[in-house]
N, C-alpha and C. Protein backbone atom coordinates (compact mmCIF):
# COMPACT_ATOMS: atom_id res chain seq x y z
N MET A 1 -5.99 -6.99 -20.40
CA MET A 1 -4.57 -6.91 -20.30
C MET A 1 -3.83 -6.48 -21.18
N LYS A 2 -4.08 -5.82 -22.02
CA LYS A 2 -3.40 -5.24 -23.16
C LYS A 2 -3.76 -3.59 -22.31
N ASP A 3 -4.61 -3.40 -21.26
CA ASP A 3 -4.97 -2.25 -20.87
C ASP A 3 -4.14 -1.94 -19.87
N ILE A 4 -3.77 -3.09 -19.23
CA ILE A 4 -2.93 -2.88 -18.02
C ILE A 4 -1.46 -2.71 -18.62
N VAL A 5 -1.11 -3.52 -19.92
CA VAL A 5 -0.05 -2.93 -20.05
C VAL A 5 0.60 -1.44 -20.58
N PHE A 6 -1.05 -1.16 -21.12
CA PHE A 6 -0.54 0.13 -21.49
C PHE A 6 -0.47 1.47 -20.47
N VAL A 7 -1.38 1.05 -19.22
CA VAL A 7 -1.01 1.59 -17.73
C VAL A 7 0.09 1.59 -17.50
N LEU A 8 0.74 0.41 -17.61
CA LEU A 8 2.19 0.45 -17.22
C LEU A 8 3.16 1.09 -17.64
N LEU A 9 2.91 1.37 -19.17
CA LEU A 9 3.44 1.99 -20.20
C LEU A 9 3.79 3.79 -19.65
N ALA A 10 2.44 4.18 -19.83
CA ALA A 10 2.25 5.58 -19.26
C ALA A 10 2.90 5.77 -17.93
N PHE A 11 2.73 5.05 -16.93
CA PHE A 11 3.38 5.24 -15.66
C PHE A 11 5.02 5.51 -16.17
N CYS A 12 5.43 4.60 -16.89
CA CYS A 12 7.18 4.39 -16.79
C CYS A 12 7.38 5.37 -17.61
N LEU A 13 6.04 5.87 -18.48
CA LEU A 13 7.02 7.26 -19.41
C LEU A 13 7.03 8.72 -18.74
N GLY A 14 5.88 8.77 -17.74
CA GLY A 14 6.04 9.86 -16.68
C GLY A 14 6.97 9.70 -15.99
N LEU A 15 7.23 8.36 -15.27
CA LEU A 15 8.61 8.41 -14.35
C LEU A 15 9.66 8.73 -14.90
N PHE A 16 10.20 8.57 -15.88
CA PHE A 16 11.22 8.77 -16.64
C PHE A 16 11.00 10.48 -17.47
N SER A 17 10.03 11.03 -17.62
CA SER A 17 10.08 12.19 -17.82
C SER A 17 10.06 13.11 -16.68
N GLY A 18 9.45 12.75 -15.64
CA GLY A 18 9.91 13.31 -14.33
C GLY A 18 11.18 13.28 -14.02
N LYS A 19 12.03 12.52 -14.31
CA LYS A 19 13.22 11.90 -13.36
C LYS A 19 14.24 12.53 -14.29
N LEU A 20 14.03 12.69 -15.59
CA LEU A 20 14.80 13.45 -16.66
C LEU A 20 14.83 15.00 -16.97
N GLY A 21 13.84 15.18 -15.87
CA GLY A 21 13.32 16.59 -15.88
C GLY A 21 13.14 17.20 -17.56
N LEU A 22 12.15 16.24 -18.25
CA LEU A 22 11.78 16.75 -19.51
C LEU A 22 10.25 17.84 -19.49
N ILE A 23 9.18 18.08 -18.27
CA ILE A 23 8.39 18.43 -18.15
C ILE A 23 8.95 20.20 -17.53
N PRO A 24 8.58 20.97 -18.37
CA PRO A 24 9.01 22.54 -17.58
C PRO A 24 8.37 22.68 -16.26
N ASP A 25 9.08 23.26 -15.50
CA ASP A 25 8.87 23.60 -14.28
C ASP A 25 7.61 24.38 -14.19
N VAL A 26 7.21 25.15 -15.46
CA VAL A 26 6.30 26.09 -15.03
C VAL A 26 4.61 25.40 -15.24
N VAL A 27 4.93 24.26 -15.49
CA VAL A 27 3.50 23.26 -15.38
C VAL A 27 3.15 23.16 -14.24
N PRO A 28 2.23 23.27 -13.98
CA PRO A 28 1.46 23.06 -12.79
C PRO A 28 1.31 21.77 -12.41
N LEU A 29 2.18 20.47 -12.02
CA LEU A 29 1.49 19.45 -11.99
C LEU A 29 0.31 18.93 -11.12
N GLU A 30 0.19 19.76 -10.02
CA GLU A 30 -0.91 19.30 -9.11
C GLU A 30 -2.13 19.66 -9.97
N LYS A 31 -2.18 20.83 -10.43
CA LYS A 31 -3.79 21.17 -10.96
C LYS A 31 -3.83 20.06 -12.40
N VAL A 32 -2.67 19.51 -12.93
CA VAL A 32 -2.87 18.47 -13.91
C VAL A 32 -3.27 17.20 -13.66
N SER A 33 -2.77 17.00 -12.34
CA SER A 33 -3.71 15.74 -11.83
C SER A 33 -4.74 15.41 -11.39
N ALA A 34 -5.14 17.19 -10.77
CA ALA A 34 -6.69 17.07 -10.37
C ALA A 34 -7.43 17.08 -11.61
N LEU A 35 -6.93 17.52 -12.74
CA LEU A 35 -7.90 17.49 -13.97
C LEU A 35 -8.00 16.13 -14.76
N VAL A 36 -6.77 15.27 -14.31
CA VAL A 36 -6.95 14.01 -14.92
C VAL A 36 -7.83 13.22 -14.14
N LEU A 37 -7.94 13.52 -12.48
CA LEU A 37 -8.77 12.83 -11.66
C LEU A 37 -10.04 12.98 -12.04
N LEU A 38 -10.70 14.35 -12.33
CA LEU A 38 -12.03 14.85 -12.85
C LEU A 38 -12.30 14.00 -14.23
N ALA A 39 -11.57 13.75 -15.11
CA ALA A 39 -11.73 13.37 -16.20
C ALA A 39 -12.14 11.83 -16.28
N LEU A 40 -11.16 11.12 -15.42
CA LEU A 40 -11.20 9.58 -15.11
C LEU A 40 -12.77 9.44 -14.61
N MET A 41 -13.38 10.43 -13.39
CA MET A 41 -14.67 10.20 -12.92
C MET A 41 -15.63 10.65 -14.05
N THR A 42 -15.27 11.50 -14.62
CA THR A 42 -16.33 11.26 -15.82
C THR A 42 -16.59 10.81 -16.51
N GLN A 43 -15.16 9.93 -17.31
CA GLN A 43 -15.42 8.64 -18.01
C GLN A 43 -15.95 7.41 -17.69
N VAL A 44 -16.27 7.54 -16.37
CA VAL A 44 -16.69 6.44 -15.67
C VAL A 44 -18.12 6.66 -15.64
N GLY A 45 -18.54 7.85 -15.56
CA GLY A 45 -20.31 8.29 -15.76
C GLY A 45 -20.37 8.18 -17.10
N LEU A 46 -19.72 8.82 -18.08
CA LEU A 46 -20.20 8.28 -19.33
C LEU A 46 -20.19 7.08 -20.07
N GLY A 47 -19.24 6.43 -19.75
CA GLY A 47 -19.32 4.93 -19.91
C GLY A 47 -20.50 4.18 -19.41
N PHE A 48 -20.91 4.00 -18.43
CA PHE A 48 -22.08 3.89 -17.63
C PHE A 48 -23.41 4.32 -18.29
N GLY A 49 -23.67 5.30 -18.36
CA GLY A 49 -24.58 5.92 -18.91
C GLY A 49 -25.06 5.86 -19.98
N SER A 50 -23.78 5.72 -21.36
CA SER A 50 -24.17 5.87 -22.44
C SER A 50 -24.54 4.24 -23.09
N GLY A 51 -24.55 3.39 -22.33
CA GLY A 51 -24.19 2.03 -23.10
C GLY A 51 -25.55 1.36 -22.61
N GLU A 52 -25.57 0.30 -22.63
CA GLU A 52 -26.88 -0.77 -21.95
C GLU A 52 -26.62 -0.89 -20.73
N SER A 53 -25.56 -0.76 -20.07
CA SER A 53 -25.42 -1.15 -18.60
C SER A 53 -26.76 -0.67 -17.85
N PHE A 54 -27.01 1.04 -17.90
CA PHE A 54 -27.47 1.34 -17.40
C PHE A 54 -29.04 0.98 -16.89
N ASP A 55 -29.62 0.72 -18.25
CA ASP A 55 -31.25 0.08 -18.40
C ASP A 55 -31.30 -1.14 -17.88
N MET A 56 -30.08 -1.93 -18.26
CA MET A 56 -30.29 -3.59 -17.93
C MET A 56 -29.90 -3.47 -16.06
N LEU A 57 -29.50 -2.76 -15.67
CA LEU A 57 -29.39 -2.40 -14.15
C LEU A 57 -30.47 -2.00 -13.51
N ARG A 58 -31.46 -1.09 -14.37
CA ARG A 58 -32.50 -0.23 -13.69
C ARG A 58 -33.65 -1.46 -13.97
N ARG A 59 -33.54 -1.96 -14.61
CA ARG A 59 -34.64 -3.35 -14.91
C ARG A 59 -34.33 -4.44 -14.14
N ASP A 60 -32.92 -4.82 -13.77
CA ASP A 60 -33.09 -5.89 -12.84
C ASP A 60 -32.80 -5.80 -11.51
N PHE A 61 -32.45 -4.52 -10.91
CA PHE A 61 -32.12 -4.38 -9.69
C PHE A 61 -32.95 -4.75 -8.59
N ARG A 62 -31.96 -5.45 -7.96
CA ARG A 62 -32.90 -6.11 -6.60
C ARG A 62 -32.01 -5.46 -5.42
N PRO A 63 -32.88 -4.71 -4.08
CA PRO A 63 -32.15 -4.42 -3.05
C PRO A 63 -30.86 -4.57 -2.33
N GLN A 64 -31.17 -6.34 -2.43
CA GLN A 64 -30.17 -6.84 -1.55
C GLN A 64 -28.87 -7.09 -2.41
N TRP A 65 -28.54 -6.79 -3.31
CA TRP A 65 -27.66 -6.54 -4.20
C TRP A 65 -26.56 -5.78 -3.47
N LEU A 66 -26.79 -4.74 -3.13
CA LEU A 66 -26.06 -3.46 -2.37
C LEU A 66 -25.37 -4.16 -1.08
N LEU A 67 -25.68 -5.33 -0.88
CA LEU A 67 -24.88 -6.07 0.20
C LEU A 67 -23.46 -6.53 -0.16
N LEU A 68 -23.30 -6.56 -1.38
CA LEU A 68 -22.20 -7.29 -2.15
C LEU A 68 -20.78 -6.33 -2.12
N PRO A 69 -21.40 -5.04 -2.80
CA PRO A 69 -20.17 -4.15 -2.53
C PRO A 69 -19.97 -3.69 -1.29
N PHE A 70 -20.84 -3.83 -0.51
CA PHE A 70 -20.78 -3.12 1.18
C PHE A 70 -19.52 -4.46 1.76
N ALA A 71 -20.13 -5.63 1.41
CA ALA A 71 -19.24 -6.78 1.68
C ALA A 71 -17.95 -6.54 1.13
N THR A 72 -17.92 -6.55 0.03
CA THR A 72 -15.99 -6.14 -0.49
C THR A 72 -15.65 -5.23 -0.06
N VAL A 73 -16.02 -3.82 0.11
CA VAL A 73 -15.06 -2.76 0.69
C VAL A 73 -15.03 -3.22 2.31
N ALA A 74 -15.48 -4.07 2.99
CA ALA A 74 -15.31 -4.08 4.41
C ALA A 74 -14.26 -5.25 4.31
N GLY A 75 -14.32 -6.41 3.45
CA GLY A 75 -13.32 -7.30 3.42
C GLY A 75 -12.00 -7.21 2.82
N THR A 76 -11.99 -6.06 2.12
CA THR A 76 -11.07 -5.40 1.64
C THR A 76 -10.07 -4.42 2.77
N LEU A 77 -10.87 -3.51 3.41
CA LEU A 77 -10.36 -3.01 4.06
C LEU A 77 -9.74 -3.65 5.65
N LEU A 78 -10.63 -5.10 5.91
CA LEU A 78 -10.19 -5.71 6.72
C LEU A 78 -8.65 -6.29 6.33
N ALA A 79 -8.61 -6.72 5.13
CA ALA A 79 -7.28 -7.18 4.75
C ALA A 79 -6.10 -6.00 4.98
N ALA A 80 -6.31 -5.35 4.10
CA ALA A 80 -5.46 -4.19 4.31
C ALA A 80 -5.25 -3.63 5.80
N LEU A 81 -6.16 -4.22 6.56
CA LEU A 81 -5.96 -3.56 8.18
C LEU A 81 -4.86 -4.44 8.38
N LEU A 82 -4.98 -5.81 8.41
CA LEU A 82 -3.96 -6.93 8.78
C LEU A 82 -2.49 -6.68 8.14
N VAL A 83 -2.75 -6.24 6.85
CA VAL A 83 -1.31 -6.03 5.92
C VAL A 83 -0.43 -4.85 6.98
N GLY A 84 -1.70 -3.84 7.25
CA GLY A 84 -0.70 -2.22 7.85
C GLY A 84 -0.20 -2.88 9.05
N VAL A 85 -0.89 -3.91 9.83
CA VAL A 85 -0.65 -3.85 11.30
C VAL A 85 0.55 -5.10 11.54
N PHE A 86 0.69 -6.04 10.25
CA PHE A 86 1.58 -6.77 10.60
C PHE A 86 2.85 -6.65 9.48
N TRP A 87 2.97 -6.15 8.62
CA TRP A 87 3.81 -5.61 7.47
C TRP A 87 3.38 -3.95 7.01
N SER A 88 3.94 -3.31 8.03
CA SER A 88 3.34 -1.75 7.35
C SER A 88 4.18 -1.47 6.42
N LEU A 89 3.41 -0.49 5.64
CA LEU A 89 3.98 0.30 4.89
C LEU A 89 4.50 2.04 5.36
N GLY A 90 4.54 1.95 6.43
CA GLY A 90 4.47 2.98 7.29
C GLY A 90 3.74 3.51 8.20
N ASN A 91 2.45 3.15 8.39
CA ASN A 91 1.66 3.26 9.05
C ASN A 91 0.31 2.48 8.47
N VAL A 92 -0.83 2.16 9.29
CA VAL A 92 -2.04 1.65 9.28
C VAL A 92 -2.86 2.46 7.90
N ALA A 93 -2.75 3.57 8.29
CA ALA A 93 -3.32 4.69 7.22
C ALA A 93 -3.11 4.30 6.06
N ASP A 94 -1.90 4.17 5.69
CA ASP A 94 -1.31 4.20 4.44
C ASP A 94 -1.71 2.98 3.66
N ALA A 95 -1.76 1.65 4.44
CA ALA A 95 -2.34 0.20 4.02
C ALA A 95 -3.92 0.41 3.81
N LEU A 96 -4.36 1.18 4.41
CA LEU A 96 -5.94 1.37 4.13
C LEU A 96 -6.24 2.39 2.75
N ALA A 97 -5.61 3.31 2.66
CA ALA A 97 -5.22 4.02 1.44
C ALA A 97 -5.41 3.14 0.34
N VAL A 98 -4.06 2.40 0.41
CA VAL A 98 -3.69 1.50 -0.59
C VAL A 98 -4.81 0.75 -1.31
N GLY A 99 -5.47 -0.27 0.23
CA GLY A 99 -6.55 -1.19 0.13
C GLY A 99 -7.97 -0.50 -0.57
N SER A 100 -8.05 1.04 -0.17
CA SER A 100 -9.02 1.69 -0.70
C SER A 100 -9.37 1.76 -2.13
N GLY A 101 -8.19 1.54 -3.09
CA GLY A 101 -7.90 1.63 -4.16
C GLY A 101 -9.32 0.72 -4.94
N LEU A 102 -9.28 -0.67 -4.56
CA LEU A 102 -10.39 -1.46 -4.73
C LEU A 102 -9.96 -1.90 -6.02
N GLY A 103 -8.76 -1.97 -6.86
CA GLY A 103 -8.78 -2.35 -8.10
C GLY A 103 -8.64 -1.21 -8.96
N TYR A 104 -9.09 -0.24 -8.62
CA TYR A 104 -9.15 0.96 -9.35
C TYR A 104 -7.73 1.68 -9.40
N TYR A 105 -6.87 0.82 -10.03
CA TYR A 105 -5.45 1.46 -9.97
C TYR A 105 -4.87 2.69 -10.85
N SER A 106 -5.53 3.09 -12.06
CA SER A 106 -5.36 4.40 -12.24
C SER A 106 -5.62 5.69 -11.09
N LEU A 107 -6.89 5.33 -10.95
CA LEU A 107 -7.55 6.76 -9.87
C LEU A 107 -6.94 6.76 -8.66
N SER A 108 -6.56 5.16 -8.09
CA SER A 108 -6.20 5.27 -6.66
C SER A 108 -4.96 5.63 -6.70
N SER A 109 -4.17 5.26 -7.61
CA SER A 109 -2.58 5.73 -7.59
C SER A 109 -2.30 7.25 -7.69
N LEU A 110 -3.00 7.79 -8.69
CA LEU A 110 -3.07 9.09 -9.05
C LEU A 110 -3.64 9.70 -7.78
N LEU A 111 -4.36 9.88 -6.90
CA LEU A 111 -5.01 10.26 -5.72
C LEU A 111 -4.29 10.08 -4.94
N ILE A 112 -3.44 8.95 -4.37
CA ILE A 112 -2.74 8.73 -3.61
C ILE A 112 -1.60 9.62 -3.21
N THR A 113 -1.02 9.68 -4.85
CA THR A 113 0.36 10.55 -4.85
C THR A 113 0.14 11.57 -4.44
N GLN A 114 -1.02 12.56 -4.92
CA GLN A 114 -1.50 13.99 -5.07
C GLN A 114 -1.84 13.94 -3.60
N LEU A 115 -2.64 13.42 -2.84
CA LEU A 115 -3.04 13.94 -1.50
C LEU A 115 -2.01 13.30 -0.54
N LYS A 116 -1.01 12.72 -0.76
CA LYS A 116 -0.35 12.31 0.46
C LYS A 116 1.03 13.67 0.34
N ALA A 117 1.21 14.13 -0.70
CA ALA A 117 2.34 15.17 -1.23
C ALA A 117 1.97 16.53 -0.73
N LEU A 118 0.91 16.38 0.08
CA LEU A 118 0.48 17.33 0.80
C LEU A 118 0.87 17.38 2.50
N VAL A 119 1.47 16.15 2.49
CA VAL A 119 1.51 15.91 4.18
C VAL A 119 3.05 15.33 4.62
N VAL A 120 3.37 14.45 3.32
CA VAL A 120 4.83 14.04 3.70
C VAL A 120 5.63 14.45 2.02
N ALA A 121 7.03 14.26 2.39
CA ALA A 121 7.78 14.32 1.34
C ALA A 121 7.38 13.72 0.01
N PRO A 122 7.77 14.26 -1.39
CA PRO A 122 7.21 13.93 -2.47
C PRO A 122 7.70 12.10 -3.04
N ASP A 123 8.73 11.94 -2.48
CA ASP A 123 9.07 11.12 -3.00
C ASP A 123 8.55 9.59 -2.10
N ILE A 124 8.26 10.36 -0.86
CA ILE A 124 7.47 9.06 0.34
C ILE A 124 5.96 8.98 -0.71
N ALA A 125 5.27 10.14 -0.94
CA ALA A 125 3.80 10.12 -1.61
C ALA A 125 4.16 9.20 -2.98
N ALA A 126 4.90 9.20 -3.77
CA ALA A 126 5.63 8.96 -4.56
C ALA A 126 5.47 7.28 -4.69
N ARG A 127 6.59 6.85 -3.82
CA ARG A 127 6.33 5.40 -3.29
C ARG A 127 5.10 4.89 -2.88
N LEU A 128 4.37 5.54 -2.13
CA LEU A 128 2.92 4.98 -1.89
C LEU A 128 1.68 4.85 -2.97
N GLY A 129 2.30 6.11 -3.99
CA GLY A 129 1.48 5.63 -5.17
C GLY A 129 1.63 4.33 -6.06
N ILE A 130 3.18 4.06 -6.03
CA ILE A 130 3.23 3.19 -6.95
C ILE A 130 3.00 1.89 -6.20
N VAL A 131 3.07 1.48 -4.83
CA VAL A 131 2.33 0.15 -4.07
C VAL A 131 0.98 0.36 -4.56
N ALA A 132 0.40 1.39 -4.43
CA ALA A 132 -1.06 1.26 -4.65
C ALA A 132 -1.42 0.69 -6.52
N LEU A 133 -0.40 1.37 -7.08
CA LEU A 133 -1.04 0.93 -8.45
C LEU A 133 -0.34 -0.18 -8.65
N LEU A 134 0.67 -0.96 -8.27
CA LEU A 134 0.98 -2.17 -8.06
C LEU A 134 0.09 -3.08 -7.86
N ALA A 135 -0.16 -3.29 -6.63
CA ALA A 135 -1.56 -4.09 -5.42
C ALA A 135 -2.46 -3.96 -6.09
N ASN A 136 -3.03 -2.76 -6.96
CA ASN A 136 -4.63 -2.71 -7.25
C ASN A 136 -4.54 -3.48 -8.93
N VAL A 137 -3.44 -3.08 -9.42
CA VAL A 137 -3.24 -4.22 -10.68
C VAL A 137 -2.90 -5.41 -10.60
N LEU A 138 -2.16 -5.78 -9.47
CA LEU A 138 -2.09 -7.38 -8.96
C LEU A 138 -3.55 -7.84 -8.99
N ARG A 139 -4.43 -7.08 -8.11
CA ARG A 139 -5.57 -7.47 -7.63
C ARG A 139 -6.75 -7.78 -8.73
N GLU A 140 -6.61 -6.74 -9.91
CA GLU A 140 -7.47 -7.34 -11.19
C GLU A 140 -6.92 -8.55 -11.64
N LEU A 141 -5.49 -8.89 -12.14
CA LEU A 141 -5.00 -9.59 -12.62
C LEU A 141 -5.40 -11.14 -12.13
N LEU A 142 -5.29 -11.04 -10.59
CA LEU A 142 -5.45 -12.43 -9.58
C LEU A 142 -7.35 -12.55 -9.94
N ALA A 143 -7.90 -11.59 -9.89
CA ALA A 143 -9.46 -11.82 -10.00
C ALA A 143 -9.49 -12.46 -11.41
N ILE A 144 -9.09 -11.97 -12.65
CA ILE A 144 -9.31 -12.71 -13.98
C ILE A 144 -8.63 -14.13 -14.22
N VAL A 145 -7.46 -13.96 -13.57
CA VAL A 145 -7.02 -15.43 -13.67
C VAL A 145 -7.43 -16.37 -13.08
N GLY A 146 -7.95 -16.02 -11.64
CA GLY A 146 -8.50 -16.82 -10.89
C GLY A 146 -10.18 -17.10 -10.64
N ALA A 147 -10.50 -16.49 -11.45
CA ALA A 147 -12.04 -16.38 -12.07
C ALA A 147 -12.70 -18.04 -11.81
N PRO A 148 -11.77 -18.96 -12.87
CA PRO A 148 -12.77 -20.30 -12.61
C PRO A 148 -12.87 -21.03 -11.14
N LEU A 149 -11.74 -20.70 -10.34
CA LEU A 149 -11.21 -21.47 -9.12
C LEU A 149 -12.29 -20.54 -8.29
N LEU A 150 -12.69 -19.33 -8.28
CA LEU A 150 -13.43 -18.79 -7.46
C LEU A 150 -14.93 -18.74 -7.82
N ALA A 151 -15.01 -18.95 -8.56
CA ALA A 151 -16.31 -19.44 -9.08
C ALA A 151 -17.10 -20.67 -8.15
N ARG A 152 -15.99 -21.63 -8.22
CA ARG A 152 -16.71 -22.99 -7.62
C ARG A 152 -16.72 -22.73 -6.04
N ILE A 153 -16.46 -21.46 -5.38
CA ILE A 153 -16.79 -21.38 -4.30
C ILE A 153 -18.12 -20.54 -4.05
N SER A 154 -18.20 -19.66 -4.99
CA SER A 154 -19.17 -18.91 -5.20
C SER A 154 -19.63 -18.20 -6.43
N PRO A 155 -20.76 -18.07 -7.22
CA PRO A 155 -20.79 -17.21 -8.55
C PRO A 155 -20.75 -15.56 -7.99
N LEU A 156 -20.46 -15.36 -6.76
CA LEU A 156 -20.16 -14.31 -6.19
C LEU A 156 -18.91 -13.44 -5.86
N SER A 157 -18.16 -14.79 -5.77
CA SER A 157 -16.18 -14.47 -5.36
C SER A 157 -15.73 -13.90 -6.44
N PRO A 158 -15.84 -14.21 -8.08
CA PRO A 158 -15.13 -13.09 -8.89
C PRO A 158 -15.71 -12.21 -9.08
N ILE A 159 -17.06 -11.74 -8.43
CA ILE A 159 -17.33 -10.23 -8.51
C ILE A 159 -16.55 -9.30 -7.36
N ALA A 160 -16.76 -10.26 -6.37
CA ALA A 160 -15.79 -9.30 -5.06
C ALA A 160 -14.63 -9.07 -5.34
N ALA A 161 -13.72 -10.40 -6.12
CA ALA A 161 -12.79 -9.95 -6.11
C ALA A 161 -12.28 -8.98 -7.14
N ALA A 162 -13.00 -8.87 -7.91
CA ALA A 162 -12.86 -8.21 -9.45
C ALA A 162 -12.97 -6.72 -8.59
N GLY A 163 -13.41 -6.45 -7.81
CA GLY A 163 -13.36 -4.95 -7.34
C GLY A 163 -13.93 -4.18 -8.28
N CYS A 164 -13.31 -3.07 -8.26
CA CYS A 164 -13.98 -2.24 -9.64
C CYS A 164 -14.16 -2.24 -10.87
N SER A 165 -13.17 -3.61 -11.17
CA SER A 165 -13.10 -3.78 -12.63
C SER A 165 -14.24 -4.85 -12.83
N SER A 166 -15.12 -5.35 -11.91
CA SER A 166 -16.50 -5.84 -12.23
C SER A 166 -17.05 -5.40 -13.31
N CYS A 167 -17.16 -4.04 -13.55
CA CYS A 167 -18.18 -3.71 -14.24
C CYS A 167 -17.32 -3.41 -15.36
N ASP A 168 -15.95 -3.78 -15.79
CA ASP A 168 -15.69 -3.38 -17.03
C ASP A 168 -14.78 -4.28 -17.61
N ILE A 169 -13.45 -4.51 -17.38
CA ILE A 169 -12.48 -5.25 -17.62
C ILE A 169 -12.98 -6.87 -17.04
N SER A 170 -12.98 -6.63 -15.80
CA SER A 170 -13.28 -8.10 -15.48
C SER A 170 -14.77 -9.02 -15.96
N LEU A 171 -15.87 -7.73 -16.60
CA LEU A 171 -17.06 -8.27 -16.94
C LEU A 171 -16.92 -9.83 -17.54
N PRO A 172 -16.51 -10.16 -18.69
CA PRO A 172 -16.63 -11.03 -19.67
C PRO A 172 -16.23 -12.45 -18.87
N VAL A 173 -15.22 -11.99 -17.90
CA VAL A 173 -14.43 -13.40 -17.33
C VAL A 173 -15.83 -13.70 -16.38
N ILE A 174 -16.47 -12.68 -15.57
CA ILE A 174 -17.46 -12.71 -14.67
C ILE A 174 -18.55 -13.59 -15.54
N ALA A 175 -18.63 -12.93 -16.74
CA ALA A 175 -20.18 -13.57 -17.30
C ALA A 175 -20.15 -14.98 -17.67
N ARG A 176 -18.58 -15.24 -17.81
CA ARG A 176 -17.99 -16.71 -18.60
C ARG A 176 -18.44 -17.67 -17.58
N TRP A 177 -17.91 -17.10 -16.38
CA TRP A 177 -17.82 -18.12 -15.42
C TRP A 177 -18.88 -18.34 -13.91
N SER A 178 -19.61 -16.82 -13.71
CA SER A 178 -20.43 -17.04 -12.75
C SER A 178 -22.14 -16.91 -13.07
N GLY A 179 -21.71 -16.78 -14.68
CA GLY A 179 -23.02 -16.97 -15.11
C GLY A 179 -23.33 -15.35 -15.63
N GLU A 180 -24.40 -15.28 -16.87
CA GLU A 180 -24.62 -14.16 -17.40
C GLU A 180 -26.01 -13.53 -16.65
N GLY A 181 -26.30 -14.50 -15.81
CA GLY A 181 -27.30 -13.70 -14.63
C GLY A 181 -26.79 -12.87 -13.93
N MET A 182 -25.15 -13.14 -13.79
CA MET A 182 -24.78 -12.21 -12.66
C MET A 182 -24.17 -10.84 -13.07
N VAL A 183 -24.45 -10.70 -14.54
CA VAL A 183 -23.91 -9.61 -14.89
C VAL A 183 -24.55 -8.18 -14.51
N PRO A 184 -25.88 -8.04 -14.61
CA PRO A 184 -26.37 -6.60 -13.80
C PRO A 184 -26.04 -6.46 -12.25
N LEU A 185 -25.48 -7.80 -11.43
CA LEU A 185 -24.84 -7.26 -10.13
C LEU A 185 -23.42 -6.82 -10.21
N ALA A 186 -22.72 -7.37 -11.38
CA ALA A 186 -21.63 -6.99 -11.14
C ALA A 186 -21.22 -5.41 -11.71
N ILE A 187 -21.87 -5.16 -12.75
CA ILE A 187 -22.05 -3.88 -12.95
C ILE A 187 -22.41 -2.80 -12.03
N LEU A 188 -23.78 -3.37 -11.23
CA LEU A 188 -23.53 -2.34 -9.89
C LEU A 188 -22.87 -2.22 -8.94
N HIS A 189 -22.14 -3.41 -8.96
CA HIS A 189 -20.84 -3.81 -7.73
C HIS A 189 -19.75 -2.50 -8.07
N GLY A 190 -19.59 -2.69 -9.48
CA GLY A 190 -18.21 -2.13 -9.80
C GLY A 190 -18.70 -0.64 -10.16
N VAL A 191 -19.96 -0.31 -10.48
CA VAL A 191 -19.98 1.40 -10.12
C VAL A 191 -19.91 2.07 -9.27
N LEU A 192 -20.51 1.24 -8.19
CA LEU A 192 -20.62 1.57 -6.33
C LEU A 192 -19.14 1.62 -6.07
N LEU A 193 -18.50 0.66 -6.42
CA LEU A 193 -16.82 0.49 -5.88
C LEU A 193 -16.24 1.78 -6.50
N ASP A 194 -16.45 2.30 -7.79
CA ASP A 194 -15.59 3.03 -8.28
C ASP A 194 -16.07 4.49 -8.01
N MET A 195 -17.22 4.65 -7.36
CA MET A 195 -17.86 5.77 -6.52
C MET A 195 -17.45 6.18 -5.25
N SER A 196 -17.04 5.26 -4.82
CA SER A 196 -16.42 4.85 -2.84
C SER A 196 -15.10 5.27 -3.51
N VAL A 197 -14.25 4.56 -4.07
CA VAL A 197 -12.61 5.38 -3.98
C VAL A 197 -12.16 6.06 -3.54
N PRO A 198 -12.89 7.47 -4.25
CA PRO A 198 -12.42 8.68 -4.11
C PRO A 198 -12.58 9.19 -2.54
N VAL A 199 -13.79 8.66 -2.00
CA VAL A 199 -13.89 9.06 -0.63
C VAL A 199 -13.24 8.00 0.26
N LEU A 200 -13.21 7.10 0.16
CA LEU A 200 -12.24 6.23 1.21
C LEU A 200 -10.86 6.49 0.74
N VAL A 201 -9.95 6.99 -0.28
CA VAL A 201 -8.69 7.18 -0.13
C VAL A 201 -8.49 8.85 0.14
N THR A 202 -9.53 9.49 0.09
CA THR A 202 -9.08 11.06 0.79
C THR A 202 -9.22 10.79 1.96
N PHE A 203 -10.20 9.74 2.66
CA PHE A 203 -10.44 9.95 3.96
C PHE A 203 -9.02 9.28 4.77
N PHE A 204 -8.42 8.04 4.23
CA PHE A 204 -7.72 7.53 4.80
C PHE A 204 -6.43 8.45 4.88
N CYS A 205 -6.31 9.18 3.51
CA CYS A 205 -4.80 10.01 3.26
C CYS A 205 -5.00 10.56 4.11
N SER A 206 -5.84 11.23 4.80
CA SER A 206 -6.28 12.63 5.50
C SER A 206 -6.05 12.11 7.36
N LEU A 207 -5.63 10.64 7.56
CA LEU A 207 -5.36 10.25 8.65
C LEU A 207 -3.90 10.75 9.48
């Protein structure tokens, strides 16, 4: 919860800095965004490789575990498609791009804003980035709060609901309500979704 508050505060700080013109025009913001994106992806790799998670996953891996991240992506995109059809943000591709964040709010909102700014007006791109931020933050919050109820349906449900955060922020909640035996699967699920976010968001933003 504390991490989410810091992300929202950082977003608001950037918003007001840009609105008040506190950032000099000579600063190439598009290059800064690209560097931040690379730093985020590097941090994911460092965090996974330097801890015990990688060894645990390598030791306990089962091929059938790959079905869960696939099902999570498919279910999320189907829900985003329905939202795009019945309550469109602008078009179906935009709704799918937002859904492709899979709970990774910091990366998806930055990436969507940067990519959409290449093809639409900056204010429209920023609006879609804000929607992505709020939608994916809300997904994480609902997954954490709703874990006890979701675990009654299936021990896999809290993992799927958590999306990318199943390997970090939501992991303690998953371990508590789904069981310690689900931890390696939750880690694999989150890491694979982390890697899929840039690919999916880039694809849907290009449509």
